[in-house]
Amino acid sequence: MIKKLKPRYYRLSFDDSSPDPVICRKFNFERFDHYRLLEGSFIDSWPTGVSFYYSEDGFAEDFLGNSLGLLIVSARIRGFLEPMARSECQFLPVQISNSRTEKTLEGYSILNLLNRVSALDKVNAIYKDDTNNPHRPIILTHLTQYMCAMRT
């Protein structure tokens, strides 16, 4: 039996309501294919020099905005999540620097989510898929009705 559920979403994302947030617009992955971060699989060989750069000084949030849409989290968020979700996520250390002043922000990591759950009914939902990039996850901009189901 399939039971329709009301949607419930928990999204970790950059909150741009801060008047002056740090946003990383440039990056260097040291020859690492950053699309692998969208797969939800364990990264066993992470380069030590992965860097993100921002140019405008501002407030460093617990989630840093970036041009790739990755979850770059502070040591505080890591300390909160790591004890609860050890097998479900991986923290990959990155260097965060101001590209003009070389000031660095310490303790940031990319949060690599390992256990992704497909919860979209692709038959009945109306969504847009990026067919040019098979690594990119489906981005929902609007659902006319919820199409999530749970087997009971």
Protein backbone atom coordinates (compact mmCIF):
# COMPACT_ATOMS: atom_id res chain seq x y z
CA MET A 1 0.00 0.00 0.00
CA ILE A 2 1.30 3.47 -0.88
CA LYS A 3 0.31 6.31 1.41
CA LYS A 4 0.58 9.95 0.24
CA LEU A 5 2.43 12.16 2.70
CA LYS A 6 2.52 15.85 3.29
CA PRO A 7 5.94 17.10 2.26
CA ARG A 8 8.51 17.67 4.98
CA TYR A 9 11.89 19.01 3.94
CA TYR A 10 15.00 19.89 5.87
CA ARG A 11 17.44 21.81 3.76
CA LEU A 12 20.92 22.84 4.69
CA SER A 13 21.72 25.91 2.69
CA PHE A 14 23.36 29.28 2.63
CA ASP A 15 21.26 31.97 4.27
CA ASP A 16 21.77 35.18 2.34
CA SER A 17 19.83 37.33 4.80
CA SER A 18 23.06 38.54 6.43
CA PRO A 19 23.75 42.10 5.21
CA ASP A 20 27.38 41.33 4.39
CA PRO A 21 28.11 37.58 4.03
CA VAL A 22 31.34 36.03 2.81
CA ILE A 23 30.68 34.38 -0.57
CA CYS A 24 33.35 32.27 -2.27
CA ARG A 25 33.23 32.84 -6.01
CA LYS A 26 36.57 31.29 -7.05
CA PHE A 27 38.03 27.89 -6.25
CA ASN A 28 40.93 25.54 -6.88
CA PHE A 29 40.36 21.77 -6.58
CA GLU A 30 43.95 20.69 -7.28
CA ARG A 31 42.92 18.46 -10.24
CA PHE A 32 40.12 16.81 -8.24
CA ASP A 33 36.88 16.38 -10.23
CA HIS A 34 34.48 18.39 -8.05
CA TYR A 35 31.46 16.76 -9.75
CA ARG A 36 32.27 13.69 -7.65
CA LEU A 37 30.91 15.65 -4.68
CA LEU A 38 27.44 15.45 -6.23
CA GLU A 39 27.42 11.63 -6.30
CA GLY A 40 26.95 11.05 -2.56
CA SER A 41 29.87 8.63 -2.38
CA PHE A 42 32.83 8.48 0.01
CA ILE A 43 35.89 10.40 -1.21
CA ASP A 44 38.94 8.32 -0.30
CA SER A 45 41.59 10.55 -1.84
CA TRP A 46 41.07 14.24 -1.02
CA PRO A 47 43.82 16.69 -2.03
CA THR A 48 45.24 18.86 0.75
CA GLY A 49 45.27 22.10 -1.25
CA VAL A 50 41.58 22.52 -2.12
CA SER A 51 40.89 26.24 -1.78
CA PHE A 52 37.99 28.68 -2.05
CA TYR A 53 38.44 32.42 -2.45
CA TYR A 54 36.30 35.42 -1.59
CA SER A 55 37.04 39.03 -2.49
CA GLU A 56 34.73 41.08 -0.28
CA ASP A 57 35.26 41.14 3.47
CA GLY A 58 32.13 40.31 5.38
CA PHE A 59 30.59 38.12 8.02
CA ALA A 60 31.72 34.46 7.94
CA GLU A 61 28.57 32.38 8.46
CA ASP A 62 28.43 28.73 9.53
CA PHE A 63 27.50 27.91 5.92
CA LEU A 64 29.58 29.79 3.36
CA GLY A 65 27.92 30.68 0.11
CA ASN A 66 29.82 29.64 -3.00
CA SER A 67 29.42 29.60 -6.76
CA LEU A 68 29.23 25.78 -6.88
CA GLY A 69 26.35 25.37 -4.44
CA LEU A 70 28.40 23.09 -2.19
CA LEU A 71 27.83 22.90 1.56
CA ILE A 72 30.89 24.58 3.05
CA VAL A 73 30.46 24.39 6.81
CA SER A 74 32.25 25.79 9.84
CA ALA A 75 33.96 23.80 12.58
CA ARG A 76 30.94 24.59 14.77
CA ILE A 77 28.53 22.85 12.35
CA ARG A 78 30.96 19.97 11.96
CA GLY A 79 31.12 19.58 15.74
CA PHE A 80 27.32 19.51 15.90
CA LEU A 81 26.73 17.05 13.03
CA GLU A 82 29.68 14.68 13.29
CA PRO A 83 28.65 12.82 16.48
CA MET A 84 25.13 12.21 15.14
CA ALA A 85 25.87 11.32 11.54
CA ARG A 86 29.32 9.73 11.40
CA SER A 87 28.42 7.17 8.72
CA GLU A 88 26.17 9.50 6.75
CA CYS A 89 28.50 12.35 5.95
CA GLN A 90 32.13 13.15 5.33
CA PHE A 91 33.90 16.40 6.13
CA LEU A 92 36.53 17.37 3.57
CA PRO A 93 38.83 20.18 4.80
CA VAL A 94 39.23 23.26 2.60
CA GLN A 95 41.20 26.47 2.78
CA ILE A 96 39.20 29.71 2.66
CA SER A 97 41.11 32.88 1.74
CA ASN A 98 40.45 36.45 0.75
CA SER A 99 41.87 36.77 -2.77
CA ARG A 100 42.94 40.38 -2.16
CA THR A 101 44.24 40.44 1.43
CA GLU A 102 45.17 36.74 1.81
CA LYS A 103 43.29 36.71 5.14
CA THR A 104 42.21 33.12 5.90
CA LEU A 105 39.14 31.67 7.60
CA GLU A 106 40.00 28.60 9.64
CA GLY A 107 38.13 25.35 10.25
CA TYR A 108 35.89 25.07 7.17
CA SER A 109 35.04 21.81 5.39
CA ILE A 110 32.88 20.64 2.53
CA LEU A 111 30.03 18.55 3.89
CA ASN A 112 29.84 15.50 1.61
CA LEU A 113 26.48 13.81 2.19
CA LEU A 114 26.86 10.04 1.69
CA ASN A 115 23.35 8.66 2.06
CA ARG A 116 21.15 10.48 -0.40
CA VAL A 117 17.57 9.37 -0.72
CA SER A 118 15.64 9.74 -3.94
CA ALA A 119 12.24 11.01 -2.85
CA LEU A 120 10.84 12.40 -6.09
CA ASP A 121 8.13 10.56 -8.01
CA LYS A 122 9.58 11.19 -11.48
CA VAL A 123 6.49 9.78 -13.19
CA ASN A 124 3.94 12.15 -11.63
CA ALA A 125 5.97 15.19 -10.58
CA ILE A 126 6.62 18.15 -12.85
CA TYR A 127 10.30 19.02 -12.74
CA LYS A 128 13.18 20.16 -14.89
CA ASP A 129 16.19 17.90 -15.40
CA ASP A 130 19.58 19.09 -16.62
CA THR A 131 20.23 16.62 -19.43
CA ASN A 132 23.53 18.32 -20.32
CA ASN A 133 25.08 17.37 -16.99
CA PRO A 134 24.31 13.86 -15.68
CA HIS A 135 26.19 14.56 -12.41
CA ARG A 136 24.02 17.50 -11.45
CA PRO A 137 21.16 16.64 -9.11
CA ILE A 138 17.61 17.50 -10.10
CA ILE A 139 16.76 21.03 -9.02
CA LEU A 140 13.13 21.62 -8.17
CA THR A 141 11.95 25.14 -8.73
CA HIS A 142 8.23 24.47 -8.42
CA LEU A 143 5.96 21.52 -7.72
CA THR A 144 2.30 21.86 -8.58
CA GLN A 145 1.42 19.14 -6.09
CA TYR A 146 3.51 16.95 -3.89
CA MET A 147 4.49 13.65 -5.38
CA CYS A 148 6.29 11.93 -2.54
CA ALA A 149 5.13 8.54 -1.38
CA MET A 150 6.00 6.12 1.37
CA ARG A 151 5.49 2.37 1.25
CA THR A 152 3.72 0.99 4.30
